[in-house]
C-alpha atoms as a PDB file:
ATOM      1  CA  MET A   1     111.022  75.786  78.091  1.00  0.00           C
ATOM      2  CA  SER A   2     113.075  77.020  75.092  1.00  0.00           C
ATOM      3  CA  ASN A   3     116.723  76.080  74.793  1.00  0.00           C
ATOM      4  CA  GLU A   4     117.589  79.803  74.769  1.00  0.00           C
ATOM      5  CA  ASP A   5     116.544  82.787  76.846  1.00  0.00           C
ATOM      6  CA  ILE A   6     116.760  86.368  75.634  1.00  0.00           C
ATOM      7  CA  ILE A   7     118.071  88.886  78.175  1.00  0.00           C
ATOM      8  CA  PHE A   8     117.941  92.571  77.319  1.00  0.00           C
ATOM      9  CA  GLY A   9     118.984  95.771  79.079  1.00  0.00           C
ATOM     10  CA  ARG A  10     122.474  96.934  80.027  1.00  0.00           C
ATOM     11  CA  ASN A  11     122.425  96.138  83.750  1.00  0.00           C
ATOM     12  CA  SER A  12     120.796  92.768  83.115  1.00  0.00           C
ATOM     13  CA  VAL A  13     123.419  91.771  80.542  1.00  0.00           C
ATOM     14  CA  ILE A  14     126.294  93.001  82.732  1.00  0.00           C
ATOM     15  CA  GLU A  15     125.023  90.939  85.687  1.00  0.00           C
ATOM     16  CA  LEU A  16     124.515  87.990  83.335  1.00  0.00           C
ATOM     17  CA  LEU A  17     128.168  88.279  82.268  1.00  0.00           C
ATOM     18  CA  LYS A  18     129.231  88.401  85.912  1.00  0.00           C
ATOM     19  CA  SER A  19     127.107  85.407  86.888  1.00  0.00           C
ATOM     20  CA  GLY A  20     128.981  82.847  84.838  1.00  0.00           C
ATOM     21  CA  ARG A  21     125.829  81.527  83.132  1.00  0.00           C
ATOM     22  CA  ASN A  22     126.549  80.314  79.613  1.00  0.00           C
ATOM     23  CA  ILE A  23     126.025  83.044  76.970  1.00  0.00           C
ATOM     24  CA  ASN A  24     125.692  82.020  73.343  1.00  0.00           C
ATOM     25  CA  ARG A  25     126.015  85.482  71.794  1.00  0.00           C
ATOM     26  CA  ILE A  26     125.405  89.181  72.406  1.00  0.00           C
ATOM     27  CA  LEU A  27     123.807  91.639  69.999  1.00  0.00           C
ATOM     28  CA  ILE A  28     124.623  95.355  70.296  1.00  0.00           C
ATOM     29  CA  ALA A  29     122.953  98.231  68.473  1.00  0.00           C
ATOM     30  CA  GLU A  30     125.245 100.087  66.078  1.00  0.00           C
ATOM     31  CA  GLY A  31     126.260 103.563  67.220  1.00  0.00           C
ATOM     32  CA  ASN A  32     126.307 102.657  70.937  1.00  0.00           C
ATOM     33  CA  ARG A  33     129.691 103.488  72.426  1.00  0.00           C
ATOM     34  CA  ASP A  34     128.993 104.790  75.930  1.00  0.00           C
ATOM     35  CA  ALA A  35     130.654 103.420  79.078  1.00  0.00           C
ATOM     36  CA  SER A  36     128.191 100.629  79.878  1.00  0.00           C
ATOM     37  CA  ILE A  37     128.217  99.282  76.312  1.00  0.00           C
ATOM     38  CA  GLN A  38     132.022  99.437  76.247  1.00  0.00           C
ATOM     39  CA  LYS A  39     132.042  97.496  79.507  1.00  0.00           C
ATOM     40  CA  ILE A  40     129.820  94.790  77.967  1.00  0.00           C
ATOM     41  CA  ILE A  41     132.070  94.553  74.900  1.00  0.00           C
ATOM     42  CA  SER A  42     135.178  94.347  77.096  1.00  0.00           C
ATOM     43  CA  MET A  43     133.660  91.627  79.299  1.00  0.00           C
ATOM     44  CA  ALA A  44     132.487  89.682  76.234  1.00  0.00           C
ATOM     45  CA  LYS A  45     135.973  89.797  74.724  1.00  0.00           C
ATOM     46  CA  GLU A  46     137.539  88.713  78.009  1.00  0.00           C
ATOM     47  CA  LYS A  47     135.180  85.731  78.236  1.00  0.00           C
ATOM     48  CA  LYS A  48     135.516  84.986  74.499  1.00  0.00           C
ATOM     49  CA  ILE A  49     131.790  85.444  73.908  1.00  0.00           C
ATOM     50  CA  ILE A  50     130.668  86.208  70.368  1.00  0.00           C
ATOM     51  CA  PHE A  51     129.107  89.646  69.961  1.00  0.00           C
ATOM     52  CA  GLU A  52     127.659  91.293  66.867  1.00  0.00           C
ATOM     53  CA  ILE A  53     126.889  94.911  66.010  1.00  0.00           C
ATOM     54  CA  ILE A  54     123.483  95.148  64.330  1.00  0.00           C
ATOM     55  CA  SER A  55     120.885  97.802  63.529  1.00  0.00           C
ATOM     56  CA  ARG A  56     118.635  99.128  66.261  1.00  0.00           C
ATOM     57  CA  GLU A  57     115.649  98.147  64.108  1.00  0.00           C
ATOM     58  CA  ARG A  58     116.674  94.488  64.306  1.00  0.00           C
ATOM     59  CA  LEU A  59     117.067  94.736  68.078  1.00  0.00           C
ATOM     60  CA  ASP A  60     113.615  96.325  68.313  1.00  0.00           C
ATOM     61  CA  LYS A  61     112.131  93.421  66.379  1.00  0.00           C
ATOM     62  CA  ILE A  62     113.922  90.745  68.448  1.00  0.00           C
ATOM     63  CA  SER A  63     112.854  92.327  71.753  1.00  0.00           C
ATOM     64  CA  GLY A  64     109.278  92.960  70.632  1.00  0.00           C
ATOM     65  CA  ASN A  65     109.905  96.716  70.829  1.00  0.00           C
ATOM     66  CA  GLN A  66     110.677  96.545  74.528  1.00  0.00           C
ATOM     67  CA  ASN A  67     113.282  98.844  76.062  1.00  0.00           C
ATOM     68  CA  HIS A  68     116.411  96.821  75.289  1.00  0.00           C
ATOM     69  CA  GLN A  69     118.798  99.780  75.846  1.00  0.00           C
ATOM     70  CA  GLY A  70     120.804  98.733  72.802  1.00  0.00           C
ATOM     71  CA  VAL A  71     121.885  95.269  73.930  1.00  0.00           C
ATOM     72  CA  ILE A  72     120.488  91.725  73.906  1.00  0.00           C
ATOM     73  CA  ALA A  73     122.090  88.475  75.041  1.00  0.00           C
ATOM     74  CA  TYR A  74     121.130  84.906  74.151  1.00  0.00           C
ATOM     75  CA  THR A  75     121.758  82.568  77.060  1.00  0.00           C
ATOM     76  CA  THR A  76     120.859  79.167  78.406  1.00  0.00           C
ATOM     77  CA  PRO A  77     117.611  79.165  80.420  1.00  0.00           C
ATOM     78  CA  ILE A  78     118.010  79.955  84.087  1.00  0.00           C
ATOM     79  CA  GLU A  79     117.721  76.952  86.379  1.00  0.00           C
ATOM     80  CA  TYR A  80     115.101  77.040  89.103  1.00  0.00           C
ATOM     81  CA  SER A  81     116.179  76.122  92.621  1.00  0.00           C
ATOM     82  CA  THR A  82     114.303  73.859  95.013  1.00  0.00           C
ATOM     83  CA  LEU A  83     112.852  74.709  98.403  1.00  0.00           C
ATOM     84  CA  GLU A  84     115.473  72.446  99.968  1.00  0.00           C
ATOM     85  CA  GLU A  85     118.261  74.391  98.245  1.00  0.00           C
ATOM     86  CA  ILE A  86     116.829  77.667  99.551  1.00  0.00           C
ATOM     87  CA  LEU A  87     116.716  76.329 103.106  1.00  0.00           C
ATOM     88  CA  LYS A  88     120.271  75.006 102.791  1.00  0.00           C
ATOM     89  CA  PHE A  89     121.442  78.392 101.493  1.00  0.00           C
ATOM     90  CA  ALA A  90     120.072  80.116 104.612  1.00  0.00           C
ATOM     91  CA  GLU A  91     121.669  77.467 106.822  1.00  0.00           C
ATOM     92  CA  GLU A  92     125.052  77.938 105.151  1.00  0.00           C
ATOM     93  CA  LYS A  93     124.830  81.662 105.863  1.00  0.00           C
ATOM     94  CA  ASN A  94     123.892  80.892 109.479  1.00  0.00           C
ATOM     95  CA  GLU A  95     120.741  83.014 109.109  1.00  0.00           C
ATOM     96  CA  SER A  96     117.095  82.448 109.921  1.00  0.00           C
ATOM     97  CA  PRO A  97     115.394  81.774 106.570  1.00  0.00           C
ATOM     98  CA  PHE A  98     113.542  84.681 104.980  1.00  0.00           C
ATOM     99  CA  ILE A  99     111.391  83.473 102.076  1.00  0.00           C
ATOM    100  CA  ILE A 100     108.933  85.262  99.798  1.00  0.00           C
ATOM    101  CA  LEU A 101     105.948  83.332  98.400  1.00  0.00           C
ATOM    102  CA  LEU A 102     104.076  84.858  95.466  1.00  0.00           C
ATOM    103  CA  ASP A 103     100.470  83.646  95.434  1.00  0.00           C
ATOM    104  CA  GLU A 104      99.544  83.649  91.720  1.00  0.00           C
ATOM    105  CA  LEU A 105     101.316  86.904  90.855  1.00  0.00           C
ATOM    106  CA  GLU A 106     100.906  87.451  87.107  1.00  0.00           C
ATOM    107  CA  ASP A 107     102.783  90.606  86.066  1.00  0.00           C
ATOM    108  CA  PRO A 108     106.431  89.998  85.061  1.00  0.00           C
ATOM    109  CA  HIS A 109     107.289  93.637  85.852  1.00  0.00           C
ATOM    110  CA  ASN A 110     106.087  93.153  89.430  1.00  0.00           C
ATOM    111  CA  PHE A 111     107.985  89.886  89.685  1.00  0.00           C
ATOM    112  CA  GLY A 112     111.203  91.481  88.453  1.00  0.00           C
ATOM    113  CA  ALA A 113     110.867  94.419  90.834  1.00  0.00           C
ATOM    114  CA  ILE A 114     110.215  92.051  93.752  1.00  0.00           C
ATOM    115  CA  LEU A 115     113.355  90.068  92.892  1.00  0.00           C
ATOM    116  CA  ARG A 116     115.365  93.299  92.834  1.00  0.00           C
ATOM    117  CA  THR A 117     114.201  94.233  96.341  1.00  0.00           C
ATOM    118  CA  ALA A 118     114.584  90.631  97.544  1.00  0.00           C
ATOM    119  CA  ASP A 119     118.249  90.739  96.550  1.00  0.00           C
ATOM    120  CA  ALA A 120     118.712  94.074  98.302  1.00  0.00           C
ATOM    121  CA  VAL A 121     117.334  92.875 101.653  1.00  0.00           C
ATOM    122  CA  GLY A 122     118.944  89.433 101.655  1.00  0.00           C
ATOM    123  CA  VAL A 123     115.905  87.254 101.003  1.00  0.00           C
ATOM    124  CA  HIS A 124     117.070  83.643 100.757  1.00  0.00           C
ATOM    125  CA  GLY A 125     114.602  82.602  98.080  1.00  0.00           C
ATOM    126  CA  VAL A 126     111.311  83.225  96.304  1.00  0.00           C
ATOM    127  CA  LEU A 127     108.611  80.594  95.792  1.00  0.00           C
ATOM    128  CA  ILE A 128     106.168  80.687  92.867  1.00  0.00           C
ATOM    129  CA  PRO A 129     103.423  78.211  91.890  1.00  0.00           C
ATOM    130  CA  LYS A 130     104.052  76.198  88.732  1.00  0.00           C
ATOM    131  CA  ARG A 131     100.557  77.039  87.445  1.00  0.00           C
ATOM    132  CA  ARG A 132      98.623  80.303  87.223  1.00  0.00           C
ATOM    133  CA  SER A 133     101.726  82.330  87.991  1.00  0.00           C
ATOM    134  CA  VAL A 134     104.342  84.400  86.212  1.00  0.00           C
ATOM    135  CA  SER A 135     107.608  82.580  85.518  1.00  0.00           C
ATOM    136  CA  ILE A 136     111.108  83.869  84.809  1.00  0.00           C
ATOM    137  CA  ASN A 137     111.348  85.472  81.366  1.00  0.00           C
ATOM    138  CA  SER A 138     113.206  88.297  79.620  1.00  0.00           C
ATOM    139  CA  THR A 139     110.887  90.979  81.062  1.00  0.00           C
ATOM    140  CA  VAL A 140     111.439  89.670  84.590  1.00  0.00           C
ATOM    141  CA  ALA A 141     115.204  89.643  84.035  1.00  0.00           C
ATOM    142  CA  LYS A 142     115.190  93.201  82.647  1.00  0.00           C
ATOM    143  CA  THR A 143     112.999  94.612  85.434  1.00  0.00           C
ATOM    144  CA  SER A 144     115.074  92.886  88.104  1.00  0.00           C
ATOM    145  CA  ALA A 145     118.201  94.720  86.824  1.00  0.00           C
ATOM    146  CA  GLY A 146     120.143  91.472  87.035  1.00  0.00           C
ATOM    147  CA  ALA A 147     118.844  90.313  90.436  1.00  0.00           C
ATOM    148  CA  VAL A 148     117.383  87.237  88.730  1.00  0.00           C
ATOM    149  CA  GLU A 149     120.968  85.943  88.506  1.00  0.00           C
ATOM    150  CA  TYR A 150     121.376  85.998  92.303  1.00  0.00           C
ATOM    151  CA  VAL A 151     118.005  85.386  93.993  1.00  0.00           C
ATOM    152  CA  LYS A 152     117.029  81.729  94.197  1.00  0.00           C
ATOM    153  CA  VAL A 153     113.587  81.050  92.723  1.00  0.00           C
ATOM    154  CA  ALA A 154     111.767  77.752  93.235  1.00  0.00           C
ATOM    155  CA  GLN A 155     108.572  76.559  91.590  1.00  0.00           C
ATOM    156  CA  ILE A 156     106.145  74.717  93.875  1.00  0.00           C
ATOM    157  CA  ASP A 157     103.300  72.363  92.995  1.00  0.00           C
ATOM    158  CA  ASN A 158     100.869  73.345  95.738  1.00  0.00           C
ATOM    159  CA  VAL A 159     100.868  76.521  97.845  1.00  0.00           C
ATOM    160  CA  ALA A 160      98.852  75.130 100.772  1.00  0.00           C
ATOM    161  CA  ARG A 161     100.971  71.972 100.947  1.00  0.00           C
ATOM    162  CA  THR A 162     104.193  74.002 100.881  1.00  0.00           C
ATOM    163  CA  ILE A 163     102.949  76.291 103.658  1.00  0.00           C
ATOM    164  CA  LYS A 164     102.087  73.241 105.776  1.00  0.00           C
ATOM    165  CA  GLN A 165     105.565  71.816 105.140  1.00  0.00           C
ATOM    166  CA  LEU A 166     107.192  75.083 106.233  1.00  0.00           C
ATOM    167  CA  LYS A 167     105.009  75.337 109.331  1.00  0.00           C
ATOM    168  CA  GLU A 168     106.297  71.910 110.341  1.00  0.00           C
ATOM    169  CA  LYS A 169     109.776  73.470 110.168  1.00  0.00           C
ATOM    170  CA  PHE A 170     108.604  76.215 112.581  1.00  0.00           C
ATOM    171  CA  PHE A 171     108.230  78.985 110.011  1.00  0.00           C
ATOM    172  CA  THR A 172     105.932  81.896 110.780  1.00  0.00           C
ATOM    173  CA  ILE A 173     103.645  82.509 107.799  1.00  0.00           C
ATOM    174  CA  ILE A 174     102.931  86.198 107.203  1.00  0.00           C
ATOM    175  CA  GLY A 175     100.412  87.418 104.657  1.00  0.00           C
ATOM    176  CA  SER A 176      99.893  90.863 103.161  1.00  0.00           C
ATOM    177  CA  ASP A 177      96.201  91.678 103.525  1.00  0.00           C
ATOM    178  CA  ILE A 178      93.944  94.682 104.031  1.00  0.00           C
ATOM    179  CA  ASP A 179      92.412  93.019 107.119  1.00  0.00           C
ATOM    180  CA  GLY A 180      95.779  92.703 108.865  1.00  0.00           C
ATOM    181  CA  LEU A 181      97.593  94.677 111.547  1.00  0.00           C
ATOM    182  CA  GLU A 182      99.474  97.766 110.447  1.00  0.00           C
ATOM    183  CA  ILE A 183     103.072  96.672 109.930  1.00  0.00           C
ATOM    184  CA  PHE A 184     104.516  99.593 111.905  1.00  0.00           C
ATOM    185  CA  ASN A 185     102.419  98.642 114.959  1.00  0.00           C
ATOM    186  CA  GLY A 186     104.690  98.260 117.986  1.00  0.00           C
ATOM    187  CA  ARG A 187     102.828  95.104 119.090  1.00  0.00           C
ATOM    188  CA  ILE A 188     104.444  93.068 116.306  1.00  0.00           C
ATOM    189  CA  PHE A 189     107.953  94.447 116.736  1.00  0.00           C
ATOM    190  CA  ASN A 190     110.675  91.767 116.773  1.00  0.00           C
ATOM    191  CA  ASN A 191     108.333  89.050 115.460  1.00  0.00           C
ATOM    192  CA  PHE A 192     110.397  88.783 112.284  1.00  0.00           C
ATOM    193  CA  LYS A 193     113.754  87.481 113.478  1.00  0.00           C
ATOM    194  CA  ASP A 194     112.991  83.783 113.214  1.00  0.00           C
ATOM    195  CA  ALA A 195     112.218  81.767 110.072  1.00  0.00           C
ATOM    196  CA  ILE A 196     109.469  83.509 108.134  1.00  0.00           C
ATOM    197  CA  VAL A 197     107.571  83.343 104.872  1.00  0.00           C
ATOM    198  CA  LEU A 198     106.097  86.573 103.523  1.00  0.00           C
ATOM    199  CA  ILE A 199     103.201  85.975 101.122  1.00  0.00           C
ATOM    200  CA  ILE A 200     102.356  88.534  98.438  1.00  0.00           C
ATOM    201  CA  GLY A 201      99.048  88.029  96.636  1.00  0.00           C
ATOM    202  CA  SER A 202      98.151  88.591  93.012  1.00  0.00           C
ATOM    203  CA  GLU A 203      97.529  91.989  91.484  1.00  0.00           C
ATOM    204  CA  GLY A 204      94.045  93.250  92.266  1.00  0.00           C
ATOM    205  CA  LYS A 205      92.795  90.087  94.026  1.00  0.00           C
ATOM    206  CA  GLY A 206      95.421  89.638  96.725  1.00  0.00           C
ATOM    207  CA  MET A 207      95.918  86.302  98.445  1.00  0.00           C
ATOM    208  CA  ARG A 208      93.492  83.498  97.792  1.00  0.00           C
ATOM    209  CA  ARG A 209      91.118  82.629 100.644  1.00  0.00           C
ATOM    210  CA  LEU A 210      92.750  79.264 101.356  1.00  0.00           C
ATOM    211  CA  THR A 211      96.204  80.832 101.445  1.00  0.00           C
ATOM    212  CA  LYS A 212      94.975  83.529 103.818  1.00  0.00           C
ATOM    213  CA  GLU A 213      93.554  80.907 106.176  1.00  0.00           C
ATOM    214  CA  HIS A 214      96.994  79.304 106.516  1.00  0.00           C
ATOM    215  CA  CYS A 215      98.681  82.545 107.662  1.00  0.00           C
ATOM    216  CA  ASP A 216      99.817  83.023 111.257  1.00  0.00           C
ATOM    217  CA  LEU A 217      99.845  86.799 110.914  1.00  0.00           C
ATOM    218  CA  LEU A 218      98.253  89.250 108.484  1.00  0.00           C
ATOM    219  CA  LEU A 219      99.869  92.639 107.866  1.00  0.00           C
ATOM    220  CA  LYS A 220      98.766  95.749 106.040  1.00  0.00           C
ATOM    221  CA  ILE A 221     100.550  98.926 105.072  1.00  0.00           C
ATOM    222  CA  PRO A 222      99.012 102.096 106.553  1.00  0.00           C
ATOM    223  CA  MET A 223      97.759 104.573 103.942  1.00  0.00           C
ATOM    224  CA  ARG A 224      96.309 107.995 104.475  1.00  0.00           C
ATOM    225  CA  GLY A 225      95.604 109.061 100.890  1.00  0.00           C
ATOM    226  CA  LYS A 226      92.651 108.605  98.565  1.00  0.00           C
ATOM    227  CA  ILE A 227      94.001 105.450  96.902  1.00  0.00           C
ATOM    228  CA  ASN A 228      93.490 102.382  99.080  1.00  0.00           C
ATOM    229  CA  SER A 229      96.024 100.011  97.517  1.00  0.00           C
ATOM    230  CA  LEU A 230      99.605  99.860  96.309  1.00  0.00           C
ATOM    231  CA  ASN A 231     101.200  98.149  93.347  1.00  0.00           C
ATOM    232  CA  ALA A 232     102.150  94.577  94.351  1.00  0.00           C
ATOM    233  CA  SER A 233     105.888  95.165  93.999  1.00  0.00           C
ATOM    234  CA  VAL A 234     105.738  98.436  95.945  1.00  0.00           C
ATOM    235  CA  ALA A 235     103.774  96.806  98.769  1.00  0.00           C
ATOM    236  CA  ALA A 236     106.225  93.899  98.779  1.00  0.00           C
ATOM    237  CA  ALA A 237     109.159  96.314  99.003  1.00  0.00           C
ATOM    238  CA  VAL A 238     107.677  98.176 101.997  1.00  0.00           C
ATOM    239  CA  LEU A 239     107.010  94.928 103.843  1.00  0.00           C
ATOM    240  CA  MET A 240     110.393  93.409 102.980  1.00  0.00           C
ATOM    241  CA  TYR A 241     112.272  96.455 104.191  1.00  0.00           C
ATOM    242  CA  GLU A 242     110.401  96.628 107.483  1.00  0.00           C
ATOM    243  CA  ILE A 243     111.154  92.940 108.055  1.00  0.00           C
ATOM    244  CA  PHE A 244     114.764  93.560 107.038  1.00  0.00           C
ATOM    245  CA  ARG A 245     115.010  96.472 109.486  1.00  0.00           C
ATOM    246  CA  GLN A 246     113.674  94.409 112.402  1.00  0.00           C
ATOM    247  CA  ARG A 247     115.940  91.459 111.596  1.00  0.00           C
ATOM    248  CA  GLN A 248     119.108  93.541 111.922  1.00  0.00           C
END
């Protein structure tokens, strides 16, 4: 991993400034003087962080022409958590652990959107495989609107082995799959209050067969339209919020 990460987007940089992670410098497009940019400048001055006003063309080049919203920050790479740290975090909050496992998800935009919802519903951590999976990068940080600074993410070596380990800790393993029960079915009401792992499969292919075989419960989202699938992050959001609702 590089010694520096690039974070772009106003909300992402503001949350980065709030998080306390080390920031090497901030670049701001000339001509930007609205409230959110002024807030970034004020926070940078308060924390004695170097910032520079440069041309928008230079920002475009640095960000690869992505939507940087006129601001980029150079920061130390984010540190991944461990599964043990995620479990301890839930214990410290005196809550039953709620964990998301992404089974070879590849799109950083989906990953960022999932982190944003995970933060909103109080997920204790997200697990991703070390191989054949998206990792945290600038696109993930931007799409998450800063949630990447708050949601614990752990990389795991082996999905099946991790599921087995969590089952030994009495987790219920829930998979999102077209062959599952409809999530709003009354028969599964209140099944979500104990320790659970929600597995979201990859875009297009869903969960791998071996992962599916390790699930205790398969859920699907009812759809009545012509399209028979949802974007991975949208499906994850629907499932997370129904679990969140039942856990209250």
